[in-house]
Amino acid sequence: MLKPLLVGMAVLAIAGCGTSGILMKGKPPVIRTIQAESSDVQVGAGIHLKAQVVSESEDLTYAWQANNGLLAKPTETTTLWIAPSAVPFSPYPVTIALTVKDEYGRNVKATYQIRVHQ
């Protein structure tokens, strides 16, 4: 009699393993646009970037990345990107990427390309 009871408890425990304790509400964030002052910049110059994000969540994290140059505020909605001081050829393309994540771990990524000139 004890054996069927233990089997039933094991089935209930396993069935509950796939459910999350946190219910995801709403839709994942969407990056509408990445806006920049220009898509062309001189070596060493700075350019402001701003993300327009639509989300039902109020708890978003931002992660800006660039394959060259420097980002002043990589975890903010807006950031300042500083172009490299030298490039191997002109115009030199640099890709800026933004990843936005909500409190449920859902994320979205968008890129923006800037051309650096000598």
N, C-alpha and C. Protein backbone atom coordinates (compact mmCIF):
# COMPACT_ATOMS: atom_id res chain seq x y z
N MET A 1 0.81 -1.20 0.00
CA MET A 1 0.00 0.00 0.00
C MET A 1 0.85 1.26 0.00
N LEU A 2 2.00 1.21 0.60
CA LEU A 2 2.88 2.37 0.65
C LEU A 2 3.52 2.65 -0.71
N LYS A 3 3.79 1.60 -1.47
CA LYS A 3 4.44 1.76 -2.77
C LYS A 3 3.62 2.61 -3.75
N PRO A 4 2.30 2.39 -3.97
CA PRO A 4 1.53 3.24 -4.88
C PRO A 4 1.49 4.69 -4.43
N LEU A 5 1.48 4.92 -3.13
CA LEU A 5 1.46 6.29 -2.61
C LEU A 5 2.76 7.02 -2.97
N LEU A 6 3.90 6.35 -2.82
CA LEU A 6 5.19 6.96 -3.15
C LEU A 6 5.31 7.23 -4.65
N VAL A 7 4.82 6.30 -5.48
CA VAL A 7 4.85 6.49 -6.93
C VAL A 7 4.00 7.70 -7.32
N GLY A 8 2.81 7.83 -6.73
CA GLY A 8 1.94 8.96 -7.01
C GLY A 8 2.58 10.28 -6.60
N MET A 9 3.28 10.31 -5.47
CA MET A 9 3.95 11.53 -5.02
C MET A 9 5.10 11.88 -5.96
N ALA A 10 5.83 10.87 -6.46
CA ALA A 10 6.93 11.12 -7.38
C ALA A 10 6.41 11.70 -8.69
N VAL A 11 5.29 11.20 -9.19
CA VAL A 11 4.71 11.72 -10.42
C VAL A 11 4.30 13.18 -10.23
N LEU A 12 3.70 13.51 -9.12
CA LEU A 12 3.32 14.90 -8.85
C LEU A 12 4.54 15.80 -8.75
N ALA A 13 5.61 15.32 -8.12
CA ALA A 13 6.82 16.13 -8.00
C ALA A 13 7.45 16.37 -9.36
N ILE A 14 7.50 15.37 -10.21
CA ILE A 14 8.08 15.52 -11.54
C ILE A 14 7.21 16.43 -12.40
N ALA A 15 5.91 16.30 -12.31
CA ALA A 15 5.01 17.12 -13.12
C ALA A 15 5.16 18.59 -12.78
N GLY A 16 5.47 18.90 -11.53
CA GLY A 16 5.62 20.29 -11.13
C GLY A 16 6.95 20.89 -11.50
N CYS A 17 7.93 20.09 -11.91
CA CYS A 17 9.27 20.60 -12.23
C CYS A 17 9.29 21.48 -13.46
N GLY A 18 8.41 21.28 -14.40
CA GLY A 18 8.45 22.06 -15.64
C GLY A 18 7.76 23.40 -15.54
N THR A 19 7.07 23.67 -14.46
CA THR A 19 6.36 24.94 -14.36
C THR A 19 7.22 25.94 -13.64
N SER A 20 7.18 27.14 -14.09
CA SER A 20 7.96 28.22 -13.50
C SER A 20 7.18 28.85 -12.37
N GLY A 21 7.91 29.28 -11.35
CA GLY A 21 7.28 29.98 -10.24
C GLY A 21 6.91 31.40 -10.62
N ILE A 22 7.48 31.90 -11.71
CA ILE A 22 7.21 33.25 -12.19
C ILE A 22 6.40 33.16 -13.47
N LEU A 23 5.27 33.78 -13.51
CA LEU A 23 4.47 33.80 -14.72
C LEU A 23 4.89 34.99 -15.57
N MET A 24 5.19 34.74 -16.83
CA MET A 24 5.58 35.83 -17.73
C MET A 24 4.33 36.54 -18.21
N LYS A 25 4.30 37.82 -17.98
CA LYS A 25 3.16 38.62 -18.38
C LYS A 25 3.54 39.46 -19.58
N GLY A 26 2.57 39.71 -20.41
CA GLY A 26 2.79 40.59 -21.54
C GLY A 26 3.70 40.01 -22.61
N LYS A 27 4.16 40.90 -23.44
CA LYS A 27 5.01 40.53 -24.56
C LYS A 27 6.46 40.91 -24.28
N PRO A 28 7.40 40.29 -24.98
CA PRO A 28 8.80 40.67 -24.81
C PRO A 28 9.04 42.08 -25.35
N PRO A 29 10.13 42.71 -24.93
CA PRO A 29 10.41 44.07 -25.42
C PRO A 29 10.70 44.07 -26.92
N VAL A 30 10.49 45.23 -27.53
CA VAL A 30 10.76 45.43 -28.95
C VAL A 30 11.59 46.71 -29.10
N ILE A 31 12.69 46.62 -29.82
CA ILE A 31 13.48 47.82 -30.12
C ILE A 31 12.92 48.40 -31.41
N ARG A 32 12.26 49.54 -31.31
CA ARG A 32 11.67 50.18 -32.49
C ARG A 32 12.76 50.78 -33.37
N THR A 33 13.65 51.57 -32.75
CA THR A 33 14.72 52.20 -33.51
C THR A 33 15.94 52.43 -32.62
N ILE A 34 17.06 52.54 -33.26
CA ILE A 34 18.26 53.09 -32.64
C ILE A 34 18.52 54.38 -33.41
N GLN A 35 18.49 55.49 -32.70
CA GLN A 35 18.69 56.79 -33.33
C GLN A 35 20.09 57.29 -33.03
N ALA A 36 20.71 57.90 -34.03
CA ALA A 36 22.04 58.48 -33.88
C ALA A 36 22.05 59.84 -34.53
N GLU A 37 22.96 60.69 -34.08
CA GLU A 37 23.08 62.03 -34.65
C GLU A 37 23.48 61.95 -36.13
N SER A 38 24.23 60.90 -36.47
CA SER A 38 24.66 60.70 -37.84
C SER A 38 25.13 59.26 -38.00
N SER A 39 25.18 58.80 -39.22
CA SER A 39 25.73 57.46 -39.47
C SER A 39 27.17 57.56 -39.98
N ASP A 40 27.70 58.79 -40.03
CA ASP A 40 29.09 59.05 -40.42
C ASP A 40 29.75 59.88 -39.34
N VAL A 41 31.01 59.57 -39.02
CA VAL A 41 31.73 60.29 -37.98
C VAL A 41 33.22 60.29 -38.32
N GLN A 42 33.91 61.32 -37.87
CA GLN A 42 35.37 61.41 -38.04
C GLN A 42 36.06 60.61 -36.93
N VAL A 43 37.28 60.16 -37.19
CA VAL A 43 38.04 59.42 -36.17
C VAL A 43 38.12 60.25 -34.90
N GLY A 44 37.97 59.59 -33.76
CA GLY A 44 38.07 60.25 -32.46
C GLY A 44 36.85 61.06 -32.03
N ALA A 45 35.89 61.25 -32.91
CA ALA A 45 34.70 62.05 -32.57
C ALA A 45 33.68 61.19 -31.82
N GLY A 46 32.76 61.86 -31.14
CA GLY A 46 31.72 61.17 -30.40
C GLY A 46 30.37 61.32 -31.07
N ILE A 47 29.51 60.36 -30.82
CA ILE A 47 28.17 60.40 -31.38
C ILE A 47 27.20 59.83 -30.34
N HIS A 48 26.07 60.51 -30.15
CA HIS A 48 25.06 60.05 -29.19
C HIS A 48 24.12 59.05 -29.86
N LEU A 49 23.82 57.98 -29.14
CA LEU A 49 22.89 56.95 -29.60
C LEU A 49 21.75 56.83 -28.60
N LYS A 50 20.55 56.65 -29.13
CA LYS A 50 19.37 56.54 -28.27
C LYS A 50 18.50 55.42 -28.78
N ALA A 51 17.99 54.60 -27.86
CA ALA A 51 17.12 53.49 -28.22
C ALA A 51 15.68 53.86 -27.93
N GLN A 52 14.81 53.53 -28.87
CA GLN A 52 13.37 53.64 -28.64
C GLN A 52 12.86 52.22 -28.48
N VAL A 53 12.47 51.89 -27.24
CA VAL A 53 12.06 50.53 -26.89
C VAL A 53 10.61 50.55 -26.43
N VAL A 54 9.83 49.60 -26.92
CA VAL A 54 8.45 49.44 -26.50
C VAL A 54 8.39 48.17 -25.66
N SER A 55 7.82 48.30 -24.45
CA SER A 55 7.72 47.14 -23.57
C SER A 55 6.60 47.35 -22.57
N GLU A 56 5.94 46.26 -22.24
CA GLU A 56 4.93 46.30 -21.19
C GLU A 56 5.59 46.22 -19.82
N SER A 57 6.87 45.89 -19.81
CA SER A 57 7.64 45.78 -18.57
C SER A 57 8.29 47.13 -18.25
N GLU A 58 8.39 47.42 -16.99
CA GLU A 58 9.08 48.64 -16.57
C GLU A 58 10.50 48.33 -16.12
N ASP A 59 10.84 47.06 -16.00
CA ASP A 59 12.14 46.63 -15.51
C ASP A 59 12.98 46.09 -16.67
N LEU A 60 13.64 46.99 -17.39
CA LEU A 60 14.46 46.62 -18.54
C LEU A 60 15.93 46.87 -18.25
N THR A 61 16.77 46.02 -18.81
CA THR A 61 18.21 46.26 -18.74
C THR A 61 18.73 46.45 -20.16
N TYR A 62 19.71 47.34 -20.30
CA TYR A 62 20.28 47.69 -21.60
C TYR A 62 21.75 47.31 -21.62
N ALA A 63 22.19 46.78 -22.74
CA ALA A 63 23.61 46.42 -22.91
C ALA A 63 24.05 46.81 -24.32
N TRP A 64 24.76 47.96 -24.40
CA TRP A 64 25.32 48.42 -25.67
C TRP A 64 26.69 47.78 -25.84
N GLN A 65 27.04 47.40 -27.08
CA GLN A 65 28.35 46.87 -27.42
C GLN A 65 28.79 47.44 -28.76
N ALA A 66 30.09 47.59 -28.93
CA ALA A 66 30.65 48.06 -30.20
C ALA A 66 31.86 47.21 -30.55
N ASN A 67 32.03 46.91 -31.84
CA ASN A 67 33.19 46.11 -32.24
C ASN A 67 34.46 46.96 -32.34
N ASN A 68 34.34 48.28 -32.11
CA ASN A 68 35.49 49.19 -32.09
C ASN A 68 35.04 50.49 -31.44
N GLY A 69 35.97 51.24 -30.89
CA GLY A 69 35.62 52.48 -30.23
C GLY A 69 35.20 52.23 -28.78
N LEU A 70 34.69 53.28 -28.12
CA LEU A 70 34.32 53.19 -26.71
C LEU A 70 32.89 53.65 -26.48
N LEU A 71 32.21 53.01 -25.54
CA LEU A 71 30.86 53.40 -25.14
C LEU A 71 30.91 53.99 -23.74
N ALA A 72 30.36 55.21 -23.58
CA ALA A 72 30.42 55.90 -22.29
C ALA A 72 29.46 55.32 -21.26
N LYS A 73 28.25 54.99 -21.65
CA LYS A 73 27.24 54.47 -20.73
C LYS A 73 26.59 53.23 -21.34
N PRO A 74 27.27 52.08 -21.27
CA PRO A 74 26.77 50.90 -21.96
C PRO A 74 25.53 50.25 -21.35
N THR A 75 25.05 50.72 -20.19
CA THR A 75 23.87 50.11 -19.58
C THR A 75 22.69 51.08 -19.47
N GLU A 76 22.72 52.16 -20.23
CA GLU A 76 21.66 53.17 -20.20
C GLU A 76 20.85 53.14 -21.51
N THR A 77 19.71 53.82 -21.51
CA THR A 77 18.88 53.93 -22.71
C THR A 77 19.62 54.70 -23.80
N THR A 78 20.35 55.73 -23.41
CA THR A 78 21.16 56.52 -24.34
C THR A 78 22.62 56.34 -23.97
N THR A 79 23.48 56.48 -24.95
CA THR A 79 24.91 56.34 -24.70
C THR A 79 25.69 57.26 -25.64
N LEU A 80 26.93 57.48 -25.30
CA LEU A 80 27.85 58.23 -26.15
C LEU A 80 28.89 57.24 -26.64
N TRP A 81 29.02 57.14 -27.96
CA TRP A 81 30.04 56.27 -28.55
C TRP A 81 31.16 57.16 -29.08
N ILE A 82 32.40 56.82 -28.73
CA ILE A 82 33.58 57.54 -29.20
C ILE A 82 34.25 56.68 -30.27
N ALA A 83 34.41 57.25 -31.46
CA ALA A 83 35.03 56.53 -32.58
C ALA A 83 36.50 56.27 -32.27
N PRO A 84 37.06 55.22 -32.86
CA PRO A 84 38.49 54.96 -32.66
C PRO A 84 39.33 56.12 -33.20
N SER A 85 40.55 56.26 -32.66
CA SER A 85 41.41 57.37 -33.07
C SER A 85 42.09 57.12 -34.41
N ALA A 86 42.06 55.89 -34.88
CA ALA A 86 42.61 55.55 -36.20
C ALA A 86 41.83 54.36 -36.75
N VAL A 87 41.71 54.31 -38.08
CA VAL A 87 41.05 53.19 -38.75
C VAL A 87 41.92 52.72 -39.91
N PRO A 88 41.83 51.43 -40.27
CA PRO A 88 42.69 50.90 -41.33
C PRO A 88 42.35 51.41 -42.73
N PHE A 89 41.10 51.81 -42.94
CA PHE A 89 40.67 52.37 -44.22
C PHE A 89 39.46 53.24 -43.97
N SER A 90 39.13 54.05 -44.98
CA SER A 90 38.02 54.99 -44.81
C SER A 90 37.08 54.88 -46.00
N PRO A 91 35.78 54.78 -45.81
CA PRO A 91 35.10 54.73 -44.51
C PRO A 91 35.22 53.34 -43.88
N TYR A 92 35.37 53.33 -42.57
CA TYR A 92 35.52 52.09 -41.81
C TYR A 92 34.22 51.81 -41.07
N PRO A 93 33.56 50.66 -41.35
CA PRO A 93 32.27 50.38 -40.69
C PRO A 93 32.46 49.84 -39.27
N VAL A 94 31.68 50.40 -38.36
CA VAL A 94 31.65 49.92 -36.97
C VAL A 94 30.21 49.57 -36.65
N THR A 95 30.02 48.39 -36.09
CA THR A 95 28.68 47.95 -35.72
C THR A 95 28.46 48.16 -34.23
N ILE A 96 27.38 48.86 -33.91
CA ILE A 96 26.95 49.06 -32.53
C ILE A 96 25.75 48.14 -32.32
N ALA A 97 25.77 47.36 -31.25
CA ALA A 97 24.67 46.44 -30.95
C ALA A 97 24.05 46.81 -29.61
N LEU A 98 22.75 46.66 -29.54
CA LEU A 98 22.02 46.89 -28.30
C LEU A 98 21.19 45.65 -27.99
N THR A 99 21.32 45.15 -26.77
CA THR A 99 20.48 44.06 -26.29
C THR A 99 19.64 44.61 -25.13
N VAL A 100 18.34 44.41 -25.21
CA VAL A 100 17.41 44.84 -24.16
C VAL A 100 16.76 43.58 -23.58
N LYS A 101 16.77 43.48 -22.24
CA LYS A 101 16.22 42.31 -21.57
C LYS A 101 15.19 42.76 -20.54
N ASP A 102 14.08 42.01 -20.44
CA ASP A 102 13.07 42.31 -19.42
C ASP A 102 13.30 41.44 -18.18
N GLU A 103 12.47 41.62 -17.16
CA GLU A 103 12.67 40.91 -15.89
C GLU A 103 12.46 39.41 -15.99
N TYR A 104 11.88 38.94 -17.09
CA TYR A 104 11.66 37.51 -17.28
C TYR A 104 12.79 36.86 -18.08
N GLY A 105 13.80 37.65 -18.45
CA GLY A 105 14.92 37.12 -19.21
C GLY A 105 14.72 37.12 -20.71
N ARG A 106 13.57 37.62 -21.16
CA ARG A 106 13.33 37.71 -22.61
C ARG A 106 14.14 38.88 -23.14
N ASN A 107 14.84 38.67 -24.25
CA ASN A 107 15.66 39.76 -24.78
C ASN A 107 15.49 39.92 -26.28
N VAL A 108 15.90 41.08 -26.73
CA VAL A 108 15.86 41.43 -28.13
C VAL A 108 17.14 42.19 -28.45
N LYS A 109 17.62 42.03 -29.68
CA LYS A 109 18.87 42.67 -30.08
C LYS A 109 18.68 43.41 -31.40
N ALA A 110 19.31 44.56 -31.51
CA ALA A 110 19.30 45.33 -32.76
C ALA A 110 20.71 45.90 -32.96
N THR A 111 21.03 46.18 -34.22
CA THR A 111 22.35 46.76 -34.52
C THR A 111 22.20 48.04 -35.34
N TYR A 112 23.24 48.84 -35.28
CA TYR A 112 23.30 50.09 -36.02
C TYR A 112 24.73 50.22 -36.54
N GLN A 113 24.89 50.60 -37.79
CA GLN A 113 26.23 50.72 -38.35
C GLN A 113 26.60 52.18 -38.57
N ILE A 114 27.82 52.49 -38.14
CA ILE A 114 28.37 53.85 -38.29
C ILE A 114 29.64 53.73 -39.14
N ARG A 115 29.82 54.68 -40.04
CA ARG A 115 31.02 54.71 -40.88
C ARG A 115 31.98 55.75 -40.32
N VAL A 116 33.22 55.31 -40.05
CA VAL A 116 34.25 56.20 -39.51
C VAL A 116 35.15 56.62 -40.65
N HIS A 117 35.37 57.95 -40.72
CA HIS A 117 36.20 58.53 -41.79
C HIS A 117 37.48 59.13 -41.21
N GLN A 118 38.56 59.05 -42.00
CA GLN A 118 39.84 59.67 -41.62
C GLN A 118 39.74 61.16 -41.66
